[in-house]
Structures are given as structure tokens and as C-alpha cells.
Amino acid sequence: MGVDPALVLQGPTPRVLDEWQAQPKLWDVVRHEIDGRG
């Protein structure tokens, strides 16, 4: 992946990520962010 996955989470929500399964590193960042939000 050529971009910092944390950048994908910046800005207003909700966010739609298509084909996230092709980027496991991105999914890990998103999952941890969701867990942190409770």
C-alpha cells in the first residue's frame, strides 16, 4: 500500500472502504480504530 492507512480514517464519518480485504494492513488499522471508539 502506497499510503499511510491512518490517513484513510481522517475526516468525517461514515467512511466506505471497498475491497479492503485486498489490503490486510488497512483492515488492521480500521479494526483497531473501531475497537478504540468502543
PDB file of N, CA and C in Angstrom:
ATOM      1  N   MET A   1       0.857  -1.169   0.000  1.00  0.00           N
ATOM      2  CA  MET A   1       0.000   0.000   0.000  1.00  0.00           C
ATOM      3  C   MET A   1       0.899   1.225   0.000  1.00  0.00           C
ATOM      4  N   GLY A   2       0.598   2.170  -0.872  1.00  0.00           N
ATOM      5  CA  GLY A   2       1.431   3.349  -1.020  1.00  0.00           C
ATOM      6  C   GLY A   2       1.016   4.538  -0.179  1.00  0.00           C
ATOM      7  N   VAL A   3       0.082   4.359   0.739  1.00  0.00           N
ATOM      8  CA  VAL A   3      -0.396   5.470   1.562  1.00  0.00           C
ATOM      9  C   VAL A   3      -0.476   5.008   3.017  1.00  0.00           C
ATOM     10  N   ASP A   4      -0.301   5.950   3.934  1.00  0.00           N
ATOM     11  CA  ASP A   4      -0.429   5.639   5.359  1.00  0.00           C
ATOM     12  C   ASP A   4      -1.891   5.290   5.640  1.00  0.00           C
ATOM     13  N   PRO A   5      -2.181   4.082   6.120  1.00  0.00           N
ATOM     14  CA  PRO A   5      -3.567   3.675   6.366  1.00  0.00           C
ATOM     15  C   PRO A   5      -4.311   4.600   7.323  1.00  0.00           C
ATOM     16  N   ALA A   6      -3.604   5.254   8.236  1.00  0.00           N
ATOM     17  CA  ALA A   6      -4.267   6.158   9.180  1.00  0.00           C
ATOM     18  C   ALA A   6      -4.881   7.359   8.460  1.00  0.00           C
ATOM     19  N   LEU A   7      -4.335   7.743   7.317  1.00  0.00           N
ATOM     20  CA  LEU A   7      -4.889   8.870   6.558  1.00  0.00           C
ATOM     21  C   LEU A   7      -6.296   8.574   6.063  1.00  0.00           C
ATOM     22  N   VAL A   8      -6.594   7.320   5.834  1.00  0.00           N
ATOM     23  CA  VAL A   8      -7.915   6.918   5.346  1.00  0.00           C
ATOM     24  C   VAL A   8      -8.986   7.201   6.394  1.00  0.00           C
ATOM     25  N   LEU A   9      -8.592   7.242   7.665  1.00  0.00           N
ATOM     26  CA  LEU A   9      -9.556   7.412   8.746  1.00  0.00           C
ATOM     27  C   LEU A   9      -9.751   8.868   9.153  1.00  0.00           C
ATOM     28  N   GLN A  10      -8.991   9.785   8.570  1.00  0.00           N
ATOM     29  CA  GLN A  10      -9.124  11.198   8.926  1.00  0.00           C
ATOM     30  C   GLN A  10     -10.355  11.800   8.264  1.00  0.00           C
ATOM     31  N   GLY A  11     -10.965  12.744   8.968  1.00  0.00           N
ATOM     32  CA  GLY A  11     -12.125  13.434   8.421  1.00  0.00           C
ATOM     33  C   GLY A  11     -13.421  12.869   8.955  1.00  0.00           C
ATOM     34  N   PRO A  12     -14.534  13.408   8.453  1.00  0.00           N
ATOM     35  CA  PRO A  12     -15.850  12.997   8.954  1.00  0.00           C
ATOM     36  C   PRO A  12     -16.186  11.553   8.593  1.00  0.00           C
ATOM     37  N   THR A  13     -17.037  10.972   9.398  1.00  0.00           N
ATOM     38  CA  THR A  13     -17.511   9.604   9.155  1.00  0.00           C
ATOM     39  C   THR A  13     -18.974   9.669   8.763  1.00  0.00           C
ATOM     40  N   PRO A  14     -19.557   8.676   8.190  1.00  0.00           N
ATOM     41  CA  PRO A  14     -19.034   7.326   7.949  1.00  0.00           C
ATOM     42  C   PRO A  14     -18.113   7.291   6.729  1.00  0.00           C
ATOM     43  N   ARG A  15     -17.360   6.243   6.666  1.00  0.00           N
ATOM     44  CA  ARG A  15     -16.395   6.027   5.591  1.00  0.00           C
ATOM     45  C   ARG A  15     -16.700   4.671   4.962  1.00  0.00           C
ATOM     46  N   VAL A  16     -16.671   4.602   3.644  1.00  0.00           N
ATOM     47  CA  VAL A  16     -16.918   3.349   2.928  1.00  0.00           C
ATOM     48  C   VAL A  16     -15.610   2.907   2.281  1.00  0.00           C
ATOM     49  N   LEU A  17     -15.175   1.696   2.610  1.00  0.00           N
ATOM     50  CA  LEU A  17     -13.940   1.148   2.045  1.00  0.00           C
ATOM     51  C   LEU A  17     -14.286  -0.083   1.222  1.00  0.00           C
ATOM     52  N   ASP A  18     -14.070   0.011  -0.064  1.00  0.00           N
ATOM     53  CA  ASP A  18     -14.338  -1.107  -0.959  1.00  0.00           C
ATOM     54  C   ASP A  18     -13.049  -1.897  -1.168  1.00  0.00           C
ATOM     55  N   GLU A  19     -13.189  -3.195  -1.237  1.00  0.00           N
ATOM     56  CA  GLU A  19     -12.046  -4.092  -1.480  1.00  0.00           C
ATOM     57  C   GLU A  19     -11.001  -4.014  -0.364  1.00  0.00           C
ATOM     58  N   TRP A  20     -11.427  -3.749   0.866  1.00  0.00           N
ATOM     59  CA  TRP A  20     -10.496  -3.665   1.990  1.00  0.00           C
ATOM     60  C   TRP A  20      -9.779  -4.988   2.230  1.00  0.00           C
ATOM     61  N   GLN A  21     -10.410  -6.101   1.865  1.00  0.00           N
ATOM     62  CA  GLN A  21      -9.794  -7.405   2.108  1.00  0.00           C
ATOM     63  C   GLN A  21      -8.511  -7.585   1.291  1.00  0.00           C
ATOM     64  N   ALA A  22      -8.335  -6.786   0.257  1.00  0.00           N
ATOM     65  CA  ALA A  22      -7.110  -6.838  -0.544  1.00  0.00           C
ATOM     66  C   ALA A  22      -5.957  -6.109   0.153  1.00  0.00           C
ATOM     67  N   GLN A  23      -6.258  -5.389   1.233  1.00  0.00           N
ATOM     68  CA  GLN A  23      -5.248  -4.625   1.973  1.00  0.00           C
ATOM     69  C   GLN A  23      -5.339  -4.960   3.458  1.00  0.00           C
ATOM     70  N   PRO A  24      -4.797  -6.102   3.879  1.00  0.00           N
ATOM     71  CA  PRO A  24      -4.909  -6.505   5.289  1.00  0.00           C
ATOM     72  C   PRO A  24      -4.346  -5.472   6.265  1.00  0.00           C
ATOM     73  N   LYS A  25      -3.317  -4.740   5.869  1.00  0.00           N
ATOM     74  CA  LYS A  25      -2.745  -3.717   6.744  1.00  0.00           C
ATOM     75  C   LYS A  25      -3.777  -2.621   7.021  1.00  0.00           C
ATOM     76  N   LEU A  26      -4.514  -2.241   5.992  1.00  0.00           N
ATOM     77  CA  LEU A  26      -5.578  -1.245   6.145  1.00  0.00           C
ATOM     78  C   LEU A  26      -6.657  -1.764   7.087  1.00  0.00           C
ATOM     79  N   TRP A  27      -7.064  -2.995   6.914  1.00  0.00           N
ATOM     80  CA  TRP A  27      -8.099  -3.572   7.761  1.00  0.00           C
ATOM     81  C   TRP A  27      -7.657  -3.583   9.221  1.00  0.00           C
ATOM     82  N   ASP A  28      -6.394  -3.888   9.492  1.00  0.00           N
ATOM     83  CA  ASP A  28      -5.902  -3.884  10.874  1.00  0.00           C
ATOM     84  C   ASP A  28      -6.033  -2.492  11.494  1.00  0.00           C
ATOM     85  N   VAL A  29      -5.676  -1.456  10.749  1.00  0.00           N
ATOM     86  CA  VAL A  29      -5.772  -0.085  11.259  1.00  0.00           C
ATOM     87  C   VAL A  29      -7.230   0.275  11.531  1.00  0.00           C
ATOM     88  N   VAL A  30      -8.104  -0.052  10.598  1.00  0.00           N
ATOM     89  CA  VAL A  30      -9.532   0.248  10.760  1.00  0.00           C
ATOM     90  C   VAL A  30     -10.104  -0.502  11.955  1.00  0.00           C
ATOM     91  N   ARG A  31      -9.786  -1.766  12.079  1.00  0.00           N
ATOM     92  CA  ARG A  31     -10.307  -2.585  13.181  1.00  0.00           C
ATOM     93  C   ARG A  31      -9.871  -2.022  14.534  1.00  0.00           C
ATOM     94  N   HIS A  32      -8.608  -1.635  14.640  1.00  0.00           N
ATOM     95  CA  HIS A  32      -8.118  -1.071  15.906  1.00  0.00           C
ATOM     96  C   HIS A  32      -8.788   0.273  16.214  1.00  0.00           C
ATOM     97  N   GLU A  33      -9.039   1.065  15.196  1.00  0.00           N
ATOM     98  CA  GLU A  33      -9.735   2.345  15.395  1.00  0.00           C
ATOM     99  C   GLU A  33     -11.157   2.104  15.894  1.00  0.00           C
ATOM    100  N   ILE A  34     -11.846   1.167  15.303  1.00  0.00           N
ATOM    101  CA  ILE A  34     -13.218   0.846  15.720  1.00  0.00           C
ATOM    102  C   ILE A  34     -13.228   0.322  17.150  1.00  0.00           C
ATOM    103  N   ASP A  35     -12.295  -0.561  17.471  1.00  0.00           N
ATOM    104  CA  ASP A  35     -12.206  -1.088  18.836  1.00  0.00           C
ATOM    105  C   ASP A  35     -11.949   0.038  19.835  1.00  0.00           C
ATOM    106  N   GLY A  36     -11.111   1.000  19.462  1.00  0.00           N
ATOM    107  CA  GLY A  36     -10.787   2.114  20.343  1.00  0.00           C
ATOM    108  C   GLY A  36     -11.957   3.055  20.580  1.00  0.00           C
ATOM    109  N   ARG A  37     -12.850   3.130  19.617  1.00  0.00           N
ATOM    110  CA  ARG A  37     -14.018   4.001  19.763  1.00  0.00           C
ATOM    111  C   ARG A  37     -15.089   3.372  20.638  1.00  0.00           C
ATOM    112  N   GLY A  38     -14.993   2.065  20.812  1.00  0.00           N
ATOM    113  CA  GLY A  38     -15.931   1.360  21.677  1.00  0.00           C
ATOM    114  C   GLY A  38     -17.235   1.186  21.059  1.00  0.00           C
TER     115      GLY A  38
END
